[in-house]
Amino acid sequence: SPPGVMIRPYLNGFTIAFNVSQPTTWQPYVDSMHHFLAAYDDKVQE
């Protein structure tokens, strides 16, 4: 079968909502991205 796809960050369904002036609204997305990309760190991959 052809492949399906998925996105990151994925926290609360498929709506990514935040206010630029309120860091508390976007920080969870940022933390999720860093956590996901830890396995992709250049040193880890090398």
All heavy atoms as atom14 arrays in JSON, in Angstrom:
{
  "sequence": "SPPGVMIRPYLNGFTIAFNVSQPTTWQPYVDSMHHFLAAYDDKVQE",
  "atom14_mask": [
    [1, 1, 1, 1, 1, 1, 0, 0, 0, 0, 0, 0, 0, 0],
    [1, 1, 1, 1, 1, 1, 1, 0, 0, 0, 0, 0, 0, 0],
    [1, 1, 1, 1, 1, 1, 1, 0, 0, 0, 0, 0, 0, 0],
    [1, 1, 1, 1, 0, 0, 0, 0, 0, 0, 0, 0, 0, 0],
    [1, 1, 1, 1, 1, 1, 1, 0, 0, 0, 0, 0, 0, 0],
    [1, 1, 1, 1, 1, 1, 1, 1, 0, 0, 0, 0, 0, 0],
    [1, 1, 1, 1, 1, 1, 1, 1, 0, 0, 0, 0, 0, 0],
    [1, 1, 1, 1, 1, 1, 1, 1, 1, 1, 1, 0, 0, 0],
    [1, 1, 1, 1, 1, 1, 1, 0, 0, 0, 0, 0, 0, 0],
    [1, 1, 1, 1, 1, 1, 1, 1, 1, 1, 1, 1, 0, 0],
    [1, 1, 1, 1, 1, 1, 1, 1, 0, 0, 0, 0, 0, 0],
    [1, 1, 1, 1, 1, 1, 1, 1, 0, 0, 0, 0, 0, 0],
    [1, 1, 1, 1, 0, 0, 0, 0, 0, 0, 0, 0, 0, 0],
    [1, 1, 1, 1, 1, 1, 1, 1, 1, 1, 1, 0, 0, 0],
    [1, 1, 1, 1, 1, 1, 1, 0, 0, 0, 0, 0, 0, 0],
    [1, 1, 1, 1, 1, 1, 1, 1, 0, 0, 0, 0, 0, 0],
    [1, 1, 1, 1, 1, 0, 0, 0, 0, 0, 0, 0, 0, 0],
    [1, 1, 1, 1, 1, 1, 1, 1, 1, 1, 1, 0, 0, 0],
    [1, 1, 1, 1, 1, 1, 1, 1, 0, 0, 0, 0, 0, 0],
    [1, 1, 1, 1, 1, 1, 1, 0, 0, 0, 0, 0, 0, 0],
    [1, 1, 1, 1, 1, 1, 0, 0, 0, 0, 0, 0, 0, 0],
    [1, 1, 1, 1, 1, 1, 1, 1, 1, 0, 0, 0, 0, 0],
    [1, 1, 1, 1, 1, 1, 1, 0, 0, 0, 0, 0, 0, 0],
    [1, 1, 1, 1, 1, 1, 1, 0, 0, 0, 0, 0, 0, 0],
    [1, 1, 1, 1, 1, 1, 1, 0, 0, 0, 0, 0, 0, 0],
    [1, 1, 1, 1, 1, 1, 1, 1, 1, 1, 1, 1, 1, 1],
    [1, 1, 1, 1, 1, 1, 1, 1, 1, 0, 0, 0, 0, 0],
    [1, 1, 1, 1, 1, 1, 1, 0, 0, 0, 0, 0, 0, 0],
    [1, 1, 1, 1, 1, 1, 1, 1, 1, 1, 1, 1, 0, 0],
    [1, 1, 1, 1, 1, 1, 1, 0, 0, 0, 0, 0, 0, 0],
    [1, 1, 1, 1, 1, 1, 1, 1, 0, 0, 0, 0, 0, 0],
    [1, 1, 1, 1, 1, 1, 0, 0, 0, 0, 0, 0, 0, 0],
    [1, 1, 1, 1, 1, 1, 1, 1, 0, 0, 0, 0, 0, 0],
    [1, 1, 1, 1, 1, 1, 1, 1, 1, 1, 0, 0, 0, 0],
    [1, 1, 1, 1, 1, 1, 1, 1, 1, 1, 0, 0, 0, 0],
    [1, 1, 1, 1, 1, 1, 1, 1, 1, 1, 1, 0, 0, 0],
    [1, 1, 1, 1, 1, 1, 1, 1, 0, 0, 0, 0, 0, 0],
    [1, 1, 1, 1, 1, 0, 0, 0, 0, 0, 0, 0, 0, 0],
    [1, 1, 1, 1, 1, 0, 0, 0, 0, 0, 0, 0, 0, 0],
    [1, 1, 1, 1, 1, 1, 1, 1, 1, 1, 1, 1, 0, 0],
    [1, 1, 1, 1, 1, 1, 1, 1, 0, 0, 0, 0, 0, 0],
    [1, 1, 1, 1, 1, 1, 1, 1, 0, 0, 0, 0, 0, 0],
    [1, 1, 1, 1, 1, 1, 1, 1, 1, 0, 0, 0, 0, 0],
    [1, 1, 1, 1, 1, 1, 1, 0, 0, 0, 0, 0, 0, 0],
    [1, 1, 1, 1, 1, 1, 1, 1, 1, 0, 0, 0, 0, 0],
    [1, 1, 1, 1, 1, 1, 1, 1, 1, 0, 0, 0, 0, 0]
  ],
  "atom14_positions": [
    [[0.83, -1.19, 0.0], [0.0, 0.0, 0.0], [0.87, 1.25, 0.0], [1.94, 1.26, 0.59], [-0.9, 0.01, 1.24], [-1.77, -1.1, 1.24], [0.0, 0.0, 0.0], [0.0, 0.0, 0.0], [0.0, 0.0, 0.0], [0.0, 0.0, 0.0], [0.0, 0.0, 0.0], [0.0, 0.0, 0.0], [0.0, 0.0, 0.0], [0.0, 0.0, 0.0]],
    [[0.41, 2.32, -0.65], [1.14, 3.58, -0.6], [1.19, 4.09, 0.83], [0.34, 3.75, 1.66], [0.3, 4.51, -1.49], [-0.52, 3.59, -2.34], [-0.78, 2.39, -1.5], [0.0, 0.0, 0.0], [0.0, 0.0, 0.0], [0.0, 0.0, 0.0], [0.0, 0.0, 0.0], [0.0, 0.0, 0.0], [0.0, 0.0, 0.0], [0.0, 0.0, 0.0]],
    [[2.17, 4.93, 1.14], [2.35, 5.35, 2.53], [1.36, 6.42, 2.98], [0.93, 7.27, 2.2], [3.77, 5.91, 2.53], [3.96, 6.41, 1.13], [3.21, 5.45, 0.26], [0.0, 0.0, 0.0], [0.0, 0.0, 0.0], [0.0, 0.0, 0.0], [0.0, 0.0, 0.0], [0.0, 0.0, 0.0], [0.0, 0.0, 0.0], [0.0, 0.0, 0.0]],
    [[1.04, 6.38, 4.27], [0.34, 7.47, 4.91], [1.36, 8.43, 5.46], [2.57, 8.18, 5.42], [0.0, 0.0, 0.0], [0.0, 0.0, 0.0], [0.0, 0.0, 0.0], [0.0, 0.0, 0.0], [0.0, 0.0, 0.0], [0.0, 0.0, 0.0], [0.0, 0.0, 0.0], [0.0, 0.0, 0.0], [0.0, 0.0, 0.0], [0.0, 0.0, 0.0]],
    [[0.9, 9.57, 5.98], [1.83, 10.57, 6.52], [1.33, 11.06, 7.88], [0.16, 10.9, 8.23], [1.98, 11.78, 5.57], [2.67, 11.36, 4.29], [0.64, 12.4, 5.26], [0.0, 0.0, 0.0], [0.0, 0.0, 0.0], [0.0, 0.0, 0.0], [0.0, 0.0, 0.0], [0.0, 0.0, 0.0], [0.0, 0.0, 0.0], [0.0, 0.0, 0.0]],
    [[2.25, 11.66, 8.62], [1.93, 12.22, 9.93], [2.76, 13.47, 10.15], [3.82, 13.64, 9.51], [2.22, 11.19, 11.04], [1.67, 11.57, 12.4], [-0.11, 11.84, 12.35], [-0.42, 12.36, 14.02], [0.0, 0.0, 0.0], [0.0, 0.0, 0.0], [0.0, 0.0, 0.0], [0.0, 0.0, 0.0], [0.0, 0.0, 0.0], [0.0, 0.0, 0.0]],
    [[2.28, 14.35, 11.02], [3.0, 15.59, 11.29], [3.5, 15.63, 12.73], [3.01, 14.93, 13.61], [2.12, 16.83, 11.03], [0.84, 16.8, 11.9], [1.81, 16.99, 9.56], [0.05, 18.1, 11.88], [0.0, 0.0, 0.0], [0.0, 0.0, 0.0], [0.0, 0.0, 0.0], [0.0, 0.0, 0.0], [0.0, 0.0, 0.0], [0.0, 0.0, 0.0]],
    [[4.51, 16.46, 12.95], [4.98, 16.83, 14.27], [5.17, 18.35, 14.28], [5.64, 18.88, 13.29], [6.32, 16.14, 14.6], [6.23, 14.64, 14.74], [5.45, 14.25, 16.02], [5.52, 12.81, 16.25], [4.75, 11.9, 15.68], [3.85, 12.31, 14.8], [4.87, 10.62, 15.97], [0.0, 0.0, 0.0], [0.0, 0.0, 0.0], [0.0, 0.0, 0.0]],
    [[4.77, 19.06, 15.31], [4.24, 18.53, 16.57], [2.81, 18.05, 16.42], [2.07, 18.53, 15.55], [4.3, 19.75, 17.49], [4.11, 20.92, 16.58], [4.84, 20.55, 15.32], [0.0, 0.0, 0.0], [0.0, 0.0, 0.0], [0.0, 0.0, 0.0], [0.0, 0.0, 0.0], [0.0, 0.0, 0.0], [0.0, 0.0, 0.0], [0.0, 0.0, 0.0]],
    [[2.47, 17.09, 17.26], [1.09, 16.59, 17.32], [0.73, 16.5, 18.79], [1.17, 15.59, 19.5], [0.98, 15.23, 16.64], [-0.4, 14.62, 16.75], [-1.45, 15.14, 16.02], [-0.63, 13.53, 17.6], [-2.73, 14.59, 16.13], [-1.9, 12.99, 17.71], [-2.93, 13.52, 16.98], [-4.2, 12.99, 17.09], [0.0, 0.0, 0.0], [0.0, 0.0, 0.0]],
    [[-0.04, 17.47, 19.26], [-0.37, 17.54, 20.68], [-1.86, 17.37, 20.94], [-2.28, 16.48, 21.66], [0.11, 18.88, 21.27], [1.61, 19.13, 21.28], [1.9, 20.48, 21.9], [2.34, 18.03, 22.05], [0.0, 0.0, 0.0], [0.0, 0.0, 0.0], [0.0, 0.0, 0.0], [0.0, 0.0, 0.0], [0.0, 0.0, 0.0], [0.0, 0.0, 0.0]],
    [[-2.64, 18.25, 20.34], [-4.08, 18.26, 20.61], [-4.87, 18.15, 19.31], [-5.59, 19.06, 18.92], [-4.47, 19.54, 21.36], [-3.69, 19.69, 22.65], [-3.68, 18.79, 23.48], [-3.02, 20.83, 22.81], [0.0, 0.0, 0.0], [0.0, 0.0, 0.0], [0.0, 0.0, 0.0], [0.0, 0.0, 0.0], [0.0, 0.0, 0.0], [0.0, 0.0, 0.0]],
    [[-4.71, 17.03, 18.65], [-5.38, 16.87, 17.37], [-4.64, 17.63, 16.28], [-3.46, 17.95, 16.39], [0.0, 0.0, 0.0], [0.0, 0.0, 0.0], [0.0, 0.0, 0.0], [0.0, 0.0, 0.0], [0.0, 0.0, 0.0], [0.0, 0.0, 0.0], [0.0, 0.0, 0.0], [0.0, 0.0, 0.0], [0.0, 0.0, 0.0], [0.0, 0.0, 0.0]],
    [[-5.34, 17.95, 15.22], [-4.71, 18.53, 14.04], [-4.96, 20.03, 13.92], [-5.08, 20.56, 12.82], [-5.18, 17.79, 12.79], [-4.7, 16.36, 12.75], [-5.51, 15.33, 13.19], [-3.42, 16.08, 12.33], [-5.06, 14.02, 13.18], [-2.96, 14.77, 12.32], [-3.78, 13.74, 12.74], [0.0, 0.0, 0.0], [0.0, 0.0, 0.0], [0.0, 0.0, 0.0]],
    [[-5.06, 20.68, 15.06], [-5.13, 22.14, 15.1], [-3.92, 22.66, 15.87], [-3.71, 22.29, 17.03], [-6.42, 22.63, 15.76], [-7.55, 22.21, 14.98], [-6.42, 24.16, 15.86], [0.0, 0.0, 0.0], [0.0, 0.0, 0.0], [0.0, 0.0, 0.0], [0.0, 0.0, 0.0], [0.0, 0.0, 0.0], [0.0, 0.0, 0.0], [0.0, 0.0, 0.0]],
    [[-3.15, 23.5, 15.22], [-2.0, 24.14, 15.86], [-2.37, 25.61, 16.05], [-2.45, 26.37, 15.08], [-0.73, 23.97, 15.02], [-0.35, 22.48, 14.95], [0.42, 24.79, 15.6], [0.83, 22.19, 14.06], [0.0, 0.0, 0.0], [0.0, 0.0, 0.0], [0.0, 0.0, 0.0], [0.0, 0.0, 0.0], [0.0, 0.0, 0.0], [0.0, 0.0, 0.0]],
    [[-2.63, 25.99, 17.28], [-3.11, 27.33, 17.58], [-2.28, 27.95, 18.69], [-2.02, 27.31, 19.71], [-4.59, 27.28, 17.99], [0.0, 0.0, 0.0], [0.0, 0.0, 0.0], [0.0, 0.0, 0.0], [0.0, 0.0, 0.0], [0.0, 0.0, 0.0], [0.0, 0.0, 0.0], [0.0, 0.0, 0.0], [0.0, 0.0, 0.0], [0.0, 0.0, 0.0]],
    [[-1.87, 29.19, 18.49], [-1.09, 29.89, 19.5], [-1.1, 31.38, 19.22], [-1.47, 31.83, 18.12], [0.36, 29.38, 19.51], [1.11, 29.6, 18.22], [1.91, 30.72, 18.06], [1.02, 28.68, 17.19], [2.61, 30.93, 16.88], [1.72, 28.88, 16.0], [2.51, 30.01, 15.84], [0.0, 0.0, 0.0], [0.0, 0.0, 0.0], [0.0, 0.0, 0.0]],
    [[-0.71, 32.16, 20.23], [-0.55, 33.6, 20.1], [0.93, 33.93, 20.24], [1.58, 33.52, 21.21], [-1.35, 34.35, 21.16], [-2.85, 34.17, 20.98], [-3.35, 34.13, 19.86], [-3.56, 34.05, 22.09], [0.0, 0.0, 0.0], [0.0, 0.0, 0.0], [0.0, 0.0, 0.0], [0.0, 0.0, 0.0], [0.0, 0.0, 0.0], [0.0, 0.0, 0.0]],
    [[1.46, 34.66, 19.28], [2.88, 34.97, 19.28], [3.3, 35.69, 20.55], [4.38, 35.43, 21.11], [3.23, 35.84, 18.04], [4.69, 36.27, 18.07], [2.92, 35.08, 16.75], [0.0, 0.0, 0.0], [0.0, 0.0, 0.0], [0.0, 0.0, 0.0], [0.0, 0.0, 0.0], [0.0, 0.0, 0.0], [0.0, 0.0, 0.0], [0.0, 0.0, 0.0]],
    [[2.46, 36.58, 21.05], [2.81, 37.38, 22.22], [2.66, 36.64, 23.54], [2.99, 37.18, 24.59], [1.93, 38.65, 22.25], [0.56, 38.29, 22.33], [0.0, 0.0, 0.0], [0.0, 0.0, 0.0], [0.0, 0.0, 0.0], [0.0, 0.0, 0.0], [0.0, 0.0, 0.0], [0.0, 0.0, 0.0], [0.0, 0.0, 0.0], [0.0, 0.0, 0.0]],
    [[2.19, 35.4, 23.49], [2.0, 34.59, 24.7], [2.8, 33.3, 24.59], [2.31, 32.29, 24.08], [0.52, 34.28, 24.91], [-0.35, 35.51, 25.14], [-1.82, 35.15, 25.28], [-2.44, 34.61, 24.35], [-2.39, 35.45, 26.44], [0.0, 0.0, 0.0], [0.0, 0.0, 0.0], [0.0, 0.0, 0.0], [0.0, 0.0, 0.0], [0.0, 0.0, 0.0]],
    [[4.04, 33.3, 25.06], [4.91, 32.12, 24.94], [4.32, 30.84, 25.51], [4.63, 29.75, 25.02], [6.17, 32.54, 25.7], [6.19, 34.03, 25.6], [4.75, 34.46, 25.66], [0.0, 0.0, 0.0], [0.0, 0.0, 0.0], [0.0, 0.0, 0.0], [0.0, 0.0, 0.0], [0.0, 0.0, 0.0], [0.0, 0.0, 0.0], [0.0, 0.0, 0.0]],
    [[3.48, 30.95, 26.52], [2.9, 29.74, 27.11], [2.01, 29.0, 26.13], [1.77, 27.8, 26.29], [2.09, 30.09, 28.36], [1.09, 31.08, 28.03], [2.98, 30.61, 29.47], [0.0, 0.0, 0.0], [0.0, 0.0, 0.0], [0.0, 0.0, 0.0], [0.0, 0.0, 0.0], [0.0, 0.0, 0.0], [0.0, 0.0, 0.0], [0.0, 0.0, 0.0]],
    [[1.53, 29.7, 25.1], [0.66, 29.05, 24.12], [1.43, 28.29, 23.06], [0.89, 27.36, 22.46], [-0.27, 30.08, 23.43], [0.52, 31.02, 22.69], [-1.11, 30.82, 24.46], [0.0, 0.0, 0.0], [0.0, 0.0, 0.0], [0.0, 0.0, 0.0], [0.0, 0.0, 0.0], [0.0, 0.0, 0.0], [0.0, 0.0, 0.0], [0.0, 0.0, 0.0]],
    [[2.69, 28.69, 22.81], [3.46, 27.98, 21.78], [4.61, 27.15, 22.32], [5.16, 26.31, 21.62], [3.98, 28.94, 20.7], [4.66, 30.2, 21.13], [4.13, 31.46, 21.13], [6.02, 30.35, 21.58], [5.05, 32.38, 21.56], [6.23, 31.73, 21.84], [7.08, 29.47, 21.79], [7.44, 32.24, 22.3], [8.29, 29.97, 22.25], [8.46, 31.33, 22.5]],
    [[4.97, 27.34, 23.59], [6.09, 26.58, 24.15], [5.87, 25.06, 24.12], [6.82, 24.31, 23.84], [6.36, 27.04, 25.58], [7.68, 26.5, 26.14], [8.89, 26.98, 25.37], [9.03, 28.18, 25.08], [9.78, 26.06, 25.0], [0.0, 0.0, 0.0], [0.0, 0.0, 0.0], [0.0, 0.0, 0.0], [0.0, 0.0, 0.0], [0.0, 0.0, 0.0]],
    [[4.65, 24.55, 24.37], [4.45, 23.09, 24.27], [4.77, 22.53, 22.88], [5.31, 21.42, 22.78], [2.97, 22.92, 24.61], [2.64, 24.09, 25.48], [3.45, 25.22, 24.91], [0.0, 0.0, 0.0], [0.0, 0.0, 0.0], [0.0, 0.0, 0.0], [0.0, 0.0, 0.0], [0.0, 0.0, 0.0], [0.0, 0.0, 0.0], [0.0, 0.0, 0.0]],
    [[4.48, 23.29, 21.84], [4.81, 22.83, 20.49], [6.33, 22.78, 20.31], [6.87, 21.83, 19.73], [4.21, 23.76, 19.44], [2.71, 23.82, 19.45], [2.03, 25.0, 19.76], [1.93, 22.71, 19.13], [0.65, 25.07, 19.76], [0.55, 22.75, 19.13], [-0.08, 23.94, 19.45], [-1.46, 24.01, 19.46], [0.0, 0.0, 0.0], [0.0, 0.0, 0.0]],
    [[7.01, 23.79, 20.82], [8.47, 23.86, 20.72], [9.12, 22.7, 21.48], [10.03, 22.02, 20.97], [8.98, 25.21, 21.25], [10.51, 25.21, 21.35], [8.51, 26.34, 20.34], [0.0, 0.0, 0.0], [0.0, 0.0, 0.0], [0.0, 0.0, 0.0], [0.0, 0.0, 0.0], [0.0, 0.0, 0.0], [0.0, 0.0, 0.0], [0.0, 0.0, 0.0]],
    [[8.63, 22.45, 22.7], [9.18, 21.35, 23.5], [8.97, 20.01, 22.8], [9.86, 19.14, 22.8], [8.51, 21.31, 24.88], [8.88, 22.52, 25.72], [9.88, 23.19, 25.41], [8.15, 22.81, 26.69], [0.0, 0.0, 0.0], [0.0, 0.0, 0.0], [0.0, 0.0, 0.0], [0.0, 0.0, 0.0], [0.0, 0.0, 0.0], [0.0, 0.0, 0.0]],
    [[7.8, 19.84, 22.19], [7.51, 18.6, 21.46], [8.45, 18.41, 20.29], [8.93, 17.3, 20.03], [6.05, 18.62, 20.98], [5.76, 17.48, 20.19], [0.0, 0.0, 0.0], [0.0, 0.0, 0.0], [0.0, 0.0, 0.0], [0.0, 0.0, 0.0], [0.0, 0.0, 0.0], [0.0, 0.0, 0.0], [0.0, 0.0, 0.0], [0.0, 0.0, 0.0]],
    [[8.75, 19.48, 19.58], [9.66, 19.41, 18.43], [11.07, 19.02, 18.88], [11.72, 18.15, 18.26], [9.68, 20.75, 17.71], [8.37, 21.11, 17.03], [8.2, 20.34, 15.41], [9.12, 21.48, 14.4], [0.0, 0.0, 0.0], [0.0, 0.0, 0.0], [0.0, 0.0, 0.0], [0.0, 0.0, 0.0], [0.0, 0.0, 0.0], [0.0, 0.0, 0.0]],
    [[11.56, 19.64, 19.95], [12.91, 19.31, 20.43], [12.98, 17.85, 20.89], [13.98, 17.16, 20.63], [13.29, 20.24, 21.58], [13.79, 21.58, 21.14], [14.96, 21.73, 20.43], [13.28, 22.83, 21.3], [15.16, 23.01, 20.16], [14.15, 23.7, 20.69], [0.0, 0.0, 0.0], [0.0, 0.0, 0.0], [0.0, 0.0, 0.0], [0.0, 0.0, 0.0]],
    [[11.94, 17.39, 21.56], [11.91, 16.0, 22.02], [11.94, 15.04, 20.83], [12.7, 14.06, 20.82], [10.67, 15.76, 22.87], [10.53, 14.35, 23.35], [11.31, 13.82, 24.36], [9.72, 13.33, 22.94], [10.98, 12.56, 24.56], [10.02, 12.24, 23.7], [0.0, 0.0, 0.0], [0.0, 0.0, 0.0], [0.0, 0.0, 0.0], [0.0, 0.0, 0.0]],
    [[11.14, 15.33, 19.82], [11.08, 14.46, 18.65], [12.39, 14.43, 17.89], [12.83, 13.38, 17.4], [9.95, 14.93, 17.72], [9.84, 14.15, 16.44], [9.35, 12.85, 16.43], [10.25, 14.71, 15.24], [9.26, 12.13, 15.25], [10.17, 14.0, 14.05], [9.67, 12.7, 14.07], [0.0, 0.0, 0.0], [0.0, 0.0, 0.0], [0.0, 0.0, 0.0]],
    [[13.05, 15.59, 17.8], [14.27, 15.69, 16.99], [15.54, 15.27, 17.73], [16.62, 15.28, 17.14], [14.43, 17.13, 16.47], [13.49, 17.54, 15.33], [13.65, 19.01, 15.01], [13.72, 16.69, 14.09], [0.0, 0.0, 0.0], [0.0, 0.0, 0.0], [0.0, 0.0, 0.0], [0.0, 0.0, 0.0], [0.0, 0.0, 0.0], [0.0, 0.0, 0.0]],
    [[15.41, 14.89, 19.0], [16.6, 14.49, 19.76], [17.33, 13.34, 19.07], [18.56, 13.29, 19.05], [16.2, 14.1, 21.18], [0.0, 0.0, 0.0], [0.0, 0.0, 0.0], [0.0, 0.0, 0.0], [0.0, 0.0, 0.0], [0.0, 0.0, 0.0], [0.0, 0.0, 0.0], [0.0, 0.0, 0.0], [0.0, 0.0, 0.0], [0.0, 0.0, 0.0]],
    [[16.58, 12.4, 18.48], [17.19, 11.26, 17.8], [17.88, 11.66, 16.5], [18.65, 10.88, 15.93], [16.14, 10.2, 17.51], [0.0, 0.0, 0.0], [0.0, 0.0, 0.0], [0.0, 0.0, 0.0], [0.0, 0.0, 0.0], [0.0, 0.0, 0.0], [0.0, 0.0, 0.0], [0.0, 0.0, 0.0], [0.0, 0.0, 0.0], [0.0, 0.0, 0.0]],
    [[17.6, 12.89, 16.03], [18.18, 13.37, 14.79], [19.38, 14.3, 15.02], [19.92, 14.84, 14.05], [17.12, 14.12, 13.97], [16.01, 13.23, 13.43], [14.91, 12.92, 14.21], [16.07, 12.72, 12.14], [13.89, 12.11, 13.72], [15.06, 11.93, 11.63], [13.97, 11.63, 12.44], [12.96, 10.84, 11.94], [0.0, 0.0, 0.0], [0.0, 0.0, 0.0]],
    [[19.76, 14.5, 16.28], [20.92, 15.35, 16.56], [22.1, 14.89, 15.72], [22.35, 13.69, 15.57], [21.28, 15.29, 18.05], [20.33, 16.12, 18.9], [19.57, 16.93, 18.33], [20.35, 15.96, 20.13], [0.0, 0.0, 0.0], [0.0, 0.0, 0.0], [0.0, 0.0, 0.0], [0.0, 0.0, 0.0], [0.0, 0.0, 0.0], [0.0, 0.0, 0.0]],
    [[22.86, 15.84, 15.21], [23.97, 15.51, 14.3], [24.94, 14.52, 14.92], [25.38, 13.56, 14.27], [24.69, 16.79, 13.89], [23.87, 17.63, 12.92], [22.63, 17.46, 12.88], [24.46, 18.45, 12.2], [0.0, 0.0, 0.0], [0.0, 0.0, 0.0], [0.0, 0.0, 0.0], [0.0, 0.0, 0.0], [0.0, 0.0, 0.0], [0.0, 0.0, 0.0]],
    [[25.29, 14.73, 16.17], [26.26, 13.85, 16.82], [25.71, 12.43, 16.98], [26.43, 11.44, 16.81], [26.65, 14.42, 18.18], [27.54, 15.64, 18.11], [28.0, 16.09, 19.49], [28.94, 17.28, 19.39], [29.39, 17.75, 20.73], [0.0, 0.0, 0.0], [0.0, 0.0, 0.0], [0.0, 0.0, 0.0], [0.0, 0.0, 0.0], [0.0, 0.0, 0.0]],
    [[24.44, 12.34, 17.3], [23.79, 11.03, 17.44], [23.82, 10.29, 16.11], [24.15, 9.09, 16.04], [22.34, 11.18, 17.95], [21.62, 9.83, 17.93], [22.33, 11.77, 19.35], [0.0, 0.0, 0.0], [0.0, 0.0, 0.0], [0.0, 0.0, 0.0], [0.0, 0.0, 0.0], [0.0, 0.0, 0.0], [0.0, 0.0, 0.0], [0.0, 0.0, 0.0]],
    [[23.47, 10.99, 15.05], [23.45, 10.37, 13.73], [24.85, 9.96, 13.28], [25.03, 8.89, 12.68], [22.82, 11.33, 12.71], [21.32, 11.51, 12.87], [20.55, 10.26, 12.54], [20.76, 9.62, 11.51], [19.64, 9.87, 13.44], [0.0, 0.0, 0.0], [0.0, 0.0, 0.0], [0.0, 0.0, 0.0], [0.0, 0.0, 0.0], [0.0, 0.0, 0.0]],
    [[25.84, 10.78, 13.56], [27.21, 10.46, 13.17], [27.74, 9.23, 13.91], [28.53, 8.45, 13.36], [28.12, 11.66, 13.43], [27.88, 12.82, 12.47], [28.59, 14.09, 12.91], [29.26, 14.05, 13.96], [28.46, 15.1, 12.2], [0.0, 0.0, 0.0], [0.0, 0.0, 0.0], [0.0, 0.0, 0.0], [0.0, 0.0, 0.0], [0.0, 0.0, 0.0]]
  ]
}
